[in-house]
Structure formats: structure tokens, C-alpha cells
Amino acid sequence: MGILAFFIIIAGFIVLIFGLFISAMWISSTFASLYHAVLVEKGEYVVPNGNQ
């Protein structure tokens, strides 16, 4: 039983790390969306066209 518990703990840590990674991406995309919405509302959003 002790060996099985060890593998369950390892699997739990893997899921925890994966969840932290997904949460960090989710939070970053939320801030990017908020920043974009503020720029659009203020009329300062410039559409990039590649010709600089």
C-alpha cells in the first residue's frame, strides 16, 4: 500500500503543477484582454498592418 500511495502523491504533484501552468496562462490572457478593451475604449488601439 505504501508504494501505491507514493505514486498517487507523484500524480497529485503533476496535476498541481499542470493546474498552476493553466492558471497562469488564464490570468495573463485576462489582463491582456482587459488592456485591449481599455485601449479600444479610449480610441488608442492601432491595428498592426506590418508596414512600418
Protein backbone atom coordinates (compact mmCIF):
# COMPACT_ATOMS: atom_id res chain seq x y z
CA MET A 1 0.00 0.00 0.00
CA GLY A 2 2.87 2.37 0.71
CA ILE A 3 4.21 2.07 -2.84
CA LEU A 4 0.77 2.84 -4.29
CA ALA A 5 0.47 5.93 -2.06
CA PHE A 6 3.85 7.15 -3.37
CA PHE A 7 2.64 7.01 -6.98
CA ILE A 8 -0.64 8.72 -6.08
CA ILE A 9 1.31 11.55 -4.43
CA ILE A 10 3.54 11.94 -7.50
CA ALA A 11 0.46 12.04 -9.76
CA GLY A 12 -1.06 14.68 -7.49
CA PHE A 13 2.02 16.88 -7.79
CA ILE A 14 1.99 16.54 -11.58
CA VAL A 15 -1.66 17.61 -11.71
CA LEU A 16 -0.93 20.50 -9.32
CA ILE A 17 1.93 21.80 -11.49
CA PHE A 18 -0.18 21.47 -14.64
CA GLY A 19 -3.02 23.37 -12.93
CA LEU A 20 -0.68 26.16 -11.91
CA PHE A 21 0.54 26.46 -15.51
CA ILE A 22 -3.02 26.66 -16.87
CA SER A 23 -3.99 29.22 -14.21
CA ALA A 24 -1.02 31.43 -15.03
CA MET A 25 -1.95 31.43 -18.74
CA TRP A 26 -5.58 32.18 -17.89
CA ILE A 27 -4.64 35.13 -15.67
CA SER A 28 -2.23 36.51 -18.30
CA SER A 29 -4.85 36.33 -21.03
CA THR A 30 -7.35 38.07 -18.74
CA PHE A 31 -5.01 41.01 -18.21
CA ALA A 32 -4.24 41.18 -21.94
CA SER A 33 -7.96 41.23 -22.74
CA LEU A 34 -8.58 43.96 -20.16
CA TYR A 35 -5.69 46.05 -21.52
CA HIS A 36 -7.02 45.66 -25.07
CA ALA A 37 -10.54 46.67 -24.03
CA VAL A 38 -9.24 49.82 -22.34
CA LEU A 39 -7.24 50.80 -25.44
CA VAL A 40 -10.27 50.26 -27.69
CA GLU A 41 -12.49 52.28 -25.34
CA LYS A 42 -10.01 55.19 -25.32
CA GLY A 43 -9.60 55.03 -29.09
CA GLU A 44 -5.86 54.39 -28.85
CA TYR A 45 -5.86 50.94 -30.42
CA VAL A 46 -3.82 50.81 -33.62
CA VAL A 47 -4.32 47.85 -35.91
CA PRO A 48 -0.91 46.45 -36.84
CA ASN A 49 -0.62 46.04 -40.62
CA GLY A 50 3.00 45.00 -40.95
CA ASN A 51 4.05 48.08 -42.96
CA GLN A 52 6.34 50.05 -40.73
